[in-house]
């Protein structure tokens, strides 16, 4: 395969690297976990994978627009602490859904704040969202200084055990997200998003509302982070102000290995979803193989480096081969 053909393949299928990693991770998981392909194991794995997959979708939208959101883990923590403290283990379903709505508003507010700083005030995205992440984690810690609280078991059980038509609930959620993205991708907004991420100045000269598009990506990211926080709260059934701290790096890693470029304008959300599944399966491997947990951070960093360097290395190899 010559260099041009390979570049065309990567451009058409930017998540190819993620699919290769996923296939390897599935194979290793199946070896370490004999019951991996049973319905119960599939449901257990998917409900654990879902929060990061949702978070990666929001992160991907921001990165497609040329930005990055380092504050998503803090938003997850805020939502988790709100639900754990305001609903509690003895809370009613009606109270739960009320605070689910308020949690979504909290995500909207956080995304709006990030969007204002980045798109309107034109501050650097990575620095701005890194700063707001401290603000959000601080709010979460104020709401819940010590781990505790919880979610009603009836509601958390609904999330953990629901398998409509024998299919895990998480798969329905992912399918709905993919369908929504497919529609959005083929609208004017989708075209504008890729144009802004590709080259914002050229998009502005072409009449694209650059500020509005960039602003909207952070709002979407904040909302998706809130949904991820709700899913994480139902998964764990408890509250912890630090629950989202590890999820930020994982969301960025999932997006990068899923084929979305740091520079923006290239990729989608299917790749990051696959990337999130791959990362979670790697965590399973580390757990089942009794490997020290610090390897998780090392593996995440290694995957990012390989994903970024792979196209250049392949081009270099093809050039020498010629």
Protein backbone atom coordinates (compact mmCIF):
# COMPACT_ATOMS: atom_id res chain seq x y z
CA UNK A 1 0.00 0.00 0.00
CA UNK A 2 1.58 3.31 -1.06
CA UNK A 3 1.63 6.45 1.05
CA UNK A 4 -1.13 8.20 -0.86
CA UNK A 5 -3.44 5.20 -0.57
CA UNK A 6 -2.79 4.93 3.17
CA UNK A 7 -3.43 8.65 3.73
CA UNK A 8 -6.71 8.35 1.85
CA UNK A 9 -7.67 5.37 4.01
CA UNK A 10 -6.93 7.25 7.25
CA UNK A 11 -8.79 10.32 6.00
CA UNK A 12 -11.85 8.24 5.13
CA UNK A 13 -11.69 6.10 8.28
CA UNK A 14 -9.99 8.23 10.99
CA UNK A 15 -11.03 5.74 13.69
CA UNK A 16 -9.17 2.82 12.05
CA UNK A 17 -6.50 2.84 14.78
CA UNK A 18 -9.21 2.73 17.48
CA UNK A 19 -10.88 -0.26 15.80
CA UNK A 20 -7.58 -2.18 15.70
CA UNK A 21 -6.99 -1.46 19.39
CA UNK A 22 -10.58 -2.43 20.23
CA UNK A 23 -10.24 -5.77 18.44
CA UNK A 24 -7.05 -6.54 20.38
CA UNK A 25 -8.63 -5.46 23.68
CA UNK A 26 -11.71 -7.65 23.06
CA UNK A 27 -9.50 -10.65 22.32
CA UNK A 28 -7.44 -10.20 25.50
CA UNK A 29 -10.57 -9.60 27.60
CA UNK A 30 -12.17 -12.75 26.23
CA UNK A 31 -9.08 -14.74 27.22
CA UNK A 32 -8.94 -13.30 30.74
CA UNK A 33 -12.72 -13.34 31.27
CA UNK A 34 -14.34 -16.55 29.93
CA UNK A 35 -17.84 -15.13 30.46
CA UNK A 36 -17.03 -11.95 28.51
CA UNK A 37 -19.59 -12.58 25.74
CA UNK A 38 -22.51 -13.55 27.99
CA UNK A 39 -25.51 -11.23 28.21
CA UNK A 40 -24.86 -10.41 31.86
CA UNK A 41 -21.20 -9.52 31.25
CA UNK A 42 -22.12 -7.45 28.21
CA UNK A 43 -24.66 -5.48 30.24
CA UNK A 44 -22.21 -5.00 33.13
CA UNK A 45 -19.46 -3.79 30.82
CA UNK A 46 -21.65 -1.45 28.79
CA UNK A 47 -23.13 0.29 31.82
CA UNK A 48 -19.58 0.87 33.09
CA UNK A 49 -18.40 2.10 29.68
CA UNK A 50 -21.33 4.46 29.06
CA UNK A 51 -20.31 7.50 31.20
CA UNK A 52 -16.92 7.82 29.49
CA UNK A 53 -18.43 7.26 26.04
CA UNK A 54 -20.91 10.09 26.64
CA UNK A 55 -18.16 12.34 27.96
CA UNK A 56 -15.97 11.56 24.93
CA UNK A 57 -18.81 12.58 22.59
CA UNK A 58 -18.98 16.05 24.14
CA UNK A 59 -15.20 16.37 24.11
CA UNK A 60 -15.13 15.34 20.44
CA UNK A 61 -17.57 18.09 19.46
CA UNK A 62 -15.36 20.71 21.14
CA UNK A 63 -12.21 19.35 19.50
CA UNK A 64 -13.90 19.22 16.09
CA UNK A 65 -14.48 22.94 16.51
CA UNK A 66 -10.81 23.53 17.23
CA UNK A 67 -11.00 23.70 21.05
CA UNK A 68 -10.57 21.45 24.06
CA UNK A 69 -12.43 21.14 27.36
CA UNK A 70 -10.33 20.21 30.38
CA UNK A 71 -13.19 20.99 32.77
CA UNK A 72 -15.51 18.08 31.89
CA UNK A 73 -14.40 15.98 34.87
CA UNK A 74 -15.31 18.83 37.20
CA UNK A 75 -18.80 19.04 35.69
CA UNK A 76 -19.23 15.29 36.23
CA UNK A 77 -18.26 15.78 39.89
CA UNK A 78 -20.70 18.67 40.38
CA UNK A 79 -23.58 16.62 39.00
CA UNK A 80 -22.63 13.60 41.09
CA UNK A 81 -22.46 15.60 44.32
CA UNK A 82 -25.75 17.39 43.60
CA UNK A 83 -27.58 14.11 43.08
CA UNK A 84 -25.91 12.35 46.01
CA UNK A 85 -26.65 15.12 48.51
CA UNK A 86 -30.00 16.43 47.32
CA UNK A 87 -31.67 13.11 46.48
CA UNK A 88 -30.02 10.65 48.87
CA UNK A 89 -30.60 6.94 49.33
CA UNK A 90 -34.14 7.47 50.58
CA UNK A 91 -35.17 9.95 47.90
CA UNK A 92 -38.24 9.44 45.76
CA UNK A 93 -38.12 8.96 41.97
CA UNK A 94 -39.91 12.30 41.57
CA UNK A 95 -37.18 14.05 43.56
CA UNK A 96 -34.51 12.23 41.57
CA UNK A 97 -35.85 13.40 38.21
CA UNK A 98 -36.24 16.95 39.51
CA UNK A 99 -32.55 17.10 40.39
CA UNK A 100 -31.62 15.36 37.16
CA UNK A 101 -33.17 18.38 35.44
CA UNK A 102 -31.25 20.75 37.71
CA UNK A 103 -28.06 18.80 37.00
CA UNK A 104 -28.55 19.32 33.28
CA UNK A 105 -28.97 23.04 33.95
CA UNK A 106 -25.72 22.99 35.94
CA UNK A 107 -23.97 21.42 32.93
CA UNK A 108 -25.52 24.04 30.67
CA UNK A 109 -24.29 26.84 32.96
CA UNK A 110 -20.77 25.40 33.11
CA UNK A 111 -20.62 25.02 29.33
CA UNK A 112 -21.94 28.55 28.87
CA UNK A 113 -19.21 29.91 31.15
CA UNK A 114 -16.50 28.08 29.22
CA UNK A 115 -17.98 29.13 25.89
CA UNK A 116 -18.10 32.79 26.93
CA UNK A 117 -14.47 32.83 28.02
CA UNK A 118 -13.18 30.97 24.95
CA UNK A 119 -15.35 32.23 22.09
CA UNK A 120 -16.34 35.72 23.21
CA UNK A 121 -13.32 36.80 25.27
CA UNK A 122 -11.03 34.70 23.04
CA UNK A 123 -8.99 33.16 25.81
CA UNK A 124 -6.89 30.05 25.18
CA UNK A 125 -9.19 27.00 25.49
CA UNK A 126 -6.75 24.71 27.28
CA UNK A 127 -5.77 27.33 29.88
CA UNK A 128 -9.32 28.59 30.36
CA UNK A 129 -10.93 25.19 30.86
CA UNK A 130 -8.01 24.08 33.02
CA UNK A 131 -8.77 27.05 35.28
CA UNK A 132 -12.53 26.44 35.32
CA UNK A 133 -11.90 22.79 36.18
CA UNK A 134 -10.51 23.94 39.54
CA UNK A 135 -13.60 26.09 39.99
CA UNK A 136 -15.93 23.17 39.24
CA UNK A 137 -14.05 20.69 41.42
CA UNK A 138 -14.09 23.30 44.20
CA UNK A 139 -17.86 23.65 43.90
CA UNK A 140 -18.23 19.87 44.03
CA UNK A 141 -16.05 19.70 47.12
CA UNK A 142 -18.11 22.46 48.75
CA UNK A 143 -21.33 20.53 48.06
CA UNK A 144 -19.91 17.23 49.34
CA UNK A 145 -16.70 17.61 51.42
CA UNK A 146 -16.54 13.88 52.18
CA UNK A 147 -17.70 10.91 50.08
CA UNK A 148 -21.22 9.86 50.97
CA UNK A 149 -24.86 10.29 50.10
CA UNK A 150 -26.31 8.20 47.36
CA UNK A 151 -28.96 7.46 44.77
CA UNK A 152 -32.18 5.50 45.45
CA UNK A 153 -31.57 1.83 44.73
CA UNK A 154 -34.72 1.60 42.64
CA UNK A 155 -33.32 4.17 40.22
CA UNK A 156 -29.71 3.00 40.21
CA UNK A 157 -31.00 -0.56 39.71
CA UNK A 158 -33.00 0.63 36.69
CA UNK A 159 -29.77 1.86 35.10
CA UNK A 160 -27.74 -1.20 36.04
CA UNK A 161 -30.20 -3.94 35.18
CA UNK A 162 -32.39 -2.67 32.33
CA UNK A 163 -32.07 -4.77 29.17
CA UNK A 164 -35.03 -3.96 26.89
CA UNK A 165 -35.53 -6.78 24.39
CA UNK A 166 -32.46 -8.42 25.90
CA UNK A 167 -30.19 -5.54 24.82
CA UNK A 168 -28.32 -3.44 27.42
CA UNK A 169 -29.79 0.01 27.99
CA UNK A 170 -26.41 1.61 27.27
CA UNK A 171 -26.52 0.38 23.67
CA UNK A 172 -29.83 2.17 23.11
CA UNK A 173 -28.30 5.38 24.46
CA UNK A 174 -25.28 5.09 22.15
CA UNK A 175 -27.47 4.35 19.12
CA UNK A 176 -29.60 7.44 19.85
CA UNK A 177 -26.46 9.58 20.16
CA UNK A 178 -25.10 8.25 16.85
CA UNK A 179 -28.41 8.88 15.09
CA UNK A 180 -28.53 12.40 16.50
CA UNK A 181 -24.98 13.02 15.33
CA UNK A 182 -25.73 11.62 11.87
CA UNK A 183 -28.57 14.11 11.52
CA UNK A 184 -26.52 17.01 12.94
CA UNK A 185 -23.54 16.19 10.76
CA UNK A 186 -25.64 16.70 7.61
CA UNK A 187 -27.14 20.03 8.67
CA UNK A 188 -25.72 23.49 8.14
CA UNK A 189 -24.49 23.45 11.73
CA UNK A 190 -22.45 20.29 11.05
CA UNK A 191 -20.83 21.83 7.99
CA UNK A 192 -20.07 25.01 9.92
CA UNK A 193 -18.55 23.01 12.78
CA UNK A 194 -16.03 21.30 10.50
CA UNK A 195 -15.30 24.57 8.71
CA UNK A 196 -14.54 26.37 11.99
CA UNK A 197 -12.37 23.53 13.21
CA UNK A 198 -10.54 23.30 9.90
CA UNK A 199 -9.68 26.99 9.63
CA UNK A 200 -11.62 29.52 11.66
CA UNK A 201 -10.36 32.59 9.78
CA UNK A 202 -11.34 31.22 6.39
CA UNK A 203 -14.71 30.17 7.80
CA UNK A 204 -15.29 33.69 9.16
CA UNK A 205 -14.48 35.23 5.78
CA UNK A 206 -17.01 32.85 4.22
CA UNK A 207 -19.77 34.13 6.48
CA UNK A 208 -19.74 31.33 9.05
CA UNK A 209 -20.75 32.52 12.58
CA UNK A 210 -17.48 31.37 14.15
CA UNK A 211 -18.15 32.77 17.63
CA UNK A 212 -21.58 31.17 17.82
CA UNK A 213 -20.33 27.78 16.64
CA UNK A 214 -17.42 27.75 19.10
CA UNK A 215 -19.74 28.88 21.90
CA UNK A 216 -22.20 26.10 21.11
CA UNK A 217 -19.54 23.37 21.25
CA UNK A 218 -18.79 24.17 24.90
CA UNK A 219 -22.49 24.19 25.71
CA UNK A 220 -22.84 20.74 24.11
CA UNK A 221 -19.76 19.55 26.02
CA UNK A 222 -21.18 20.84 29.31
CA UNK A 223 -24.51 19.13 28.68
CA UNK A 224 -22.88 15.83 27.72
CA UNK A 225 -20.66 16.03 30.82
CA UNK A 226 -23.81 16.49 32.92
CA UNK A 227 -25.41 13.43 31.28
CA UNK A 228 -22.19 11.49 31.94
CA UNK A 229 -22.36 12.63 35.56
CA UNK A 230 -25.93 11.37 35.85
CA UNK A 231 -24.93 8.00 34.37
CA UNK A 232 -21.90 7.79 36.67
CA UNK A 233 -24.07 8.58 39.70
CA UNK A 234 -26.53 5.83 38.79
CA UNK A 235 -23.65 3.45 38.17
CA UNK A 236 -21.91 4.00 41.52
CA UNK A 237 -25.01 4.83 43.59
CA UNK A 238 -22.90 7.15 45.76
CA UNK A 239 -21.31 10.60 45.80
CA UNK A 240 -17.68 11.66 45.61
CA UNK A 241 -16.37 15.13 44.73
CA UNK A 242 -13.33 13.55 43.08
CA UNK A 243 -15.25 11.10 40.92
CA UNK A 244 -14.62 12.97 37.66
CA UNK A 245 -10.91 13.70 38.12
CA UNK A 246 -9.64 10.75 36.06
CA UNK A 247 -12.31 11.11 33.39
CA UNK A 248 -10.93 14.26 31.77
CA UNK A 249 -7.69 12.68 30.54
CA UNK A 250 -9.57 9.55 29.53
CA UNK A 251 -12.05 11.58 27.46
CA UNK A 252 -9.23 13.34 25.60
CA UNK A 253 -7.44 10.01 25.07
CA UNK A 254 -10.61 8.41 23.69
CA UNK A 255 -11.14 11.28 21.26
CA UNK A 256 -7.53 11.25 20.02
CA UNK A 257 -7.35 7.52 19.41
CA UNK A 258 -10.78 7.77 17.82
CA UNK A 259 -9.28 9.83 15.00
CA UNK A 260 -10.31 13.37 15.94
CA UNK A 261 -7.43 15.76 15.38
CA UNK A 262 -6.24 18.16 18.06
CA UNK A 263 -6.18 20.86 15.39
CA UNK A 264 -9.90 20.36 14.71
CA UNK A 265 -12.00 19.79 11.62
CA UNK A 266 -11.22 16.06 11.26
CA UNK A 267 -13.04 13.11 12.84
CA UNK A 268 -16.47 12.48 14.30
CA UNK A 269 -18.04 10.87 17.36
CA UNK A 270 -18.13 7.20 16.34
CA UNK A 271 -14.35 6.98 16.72
CA UNK A 272 -14.28 8.52 20.21
CA UNK A 273 -17.04 6.13 21.33
CA UNK A 274 -14.91 3.23 20.11
CA UNK A 275 -11.90 4.82 21.77
CA UNK A 276 -13.73 5.06 25.10
CA UNK A 277 -14.71 1.39 24.88
CA UNK A 278 -11.10 0.49 24.15
CA UNK A 279 -9.81 2.41 27.16
CA UNK A 280 -12.35 0.80 29.45
CA UNK A 281 -11.42 -2.65 28.18
CA UNK A 282 -7.77 -1.89 28.83
CA UNK A 283 -8.76 -1.03 32.40
CA UNK A 284 -10.50 -4.42 32.58
CA UNK A 285 -7.33 -6.11 31.40
CA UNK A 286 -5.30 -4.31 34.07
CA UNK A 287 -7.83 -5.38 36.69
CA UNK A 288 -8.19 -9.03 35.64
CA UNK A 289 -4.44 -9.46 35.12
CA UNK A 290 -3.71 -8.02 38.61
CA UNK A 291 -1.43 -5.33 37.16
CA UNK A 292 -0.61 -2.26 39.28
CA UNK A 293 -3.15 0.50 38.63
CA UNK A 294 -0.47 3.10 37.87
CA UNK A 295 -0.06 1.33 34.52
CA UNK A 296 -3.44 2.74 33.53
CA UNK A 297 -2.08 6.30 33.36
CA UNK A 298 1.04 5.07 31.57
CA UNK A 299 -1.02 3.17 29.00
CA UNK A 300 -3.30 6.18 28.39
CA UNK A 301 -0.31 8.43 27.75
CA UNK A 302 1.34 5.82 25.53
CA UNK A 303 -1.82 5.41 23.45
CA UNK A 304 -2.03 9.19 22.89
CA UNK A 305 1.60 9.33 21.75
CA UNK A 306 1.16 6.35 19.40
CA UNK A 307 -2.10 7.73 17.98
CA UNK A 308 -0.48 11.09 17.27
CA UNK A 309 2.74 9.63 15.88
CA UNK A 310 1.31 6.70 13.89
CA UNK A 311 0.41 8.57 10.65
CA UNK A 312 3.84 10.20 10.52
CA UNK A 313 5.64 6.94 11.28
CA UNK A 314 3.70 5.10 8.60
CA UNK A 315 4.45 7.80 6.06
CA UNK A 316 8.12 7.67 7.02
CA UNK A 317 8.13 3.88 6.63
CA UNK A 318 6.40 4.08 3.25
CA UNK A 319 8.89 6.74 2.11
CA UNK A 320 11.89 4.57 3.01
CA UNK A 321 10.27 1.56 1.39
CA UNK A 322 10.10 3.44 -1.86
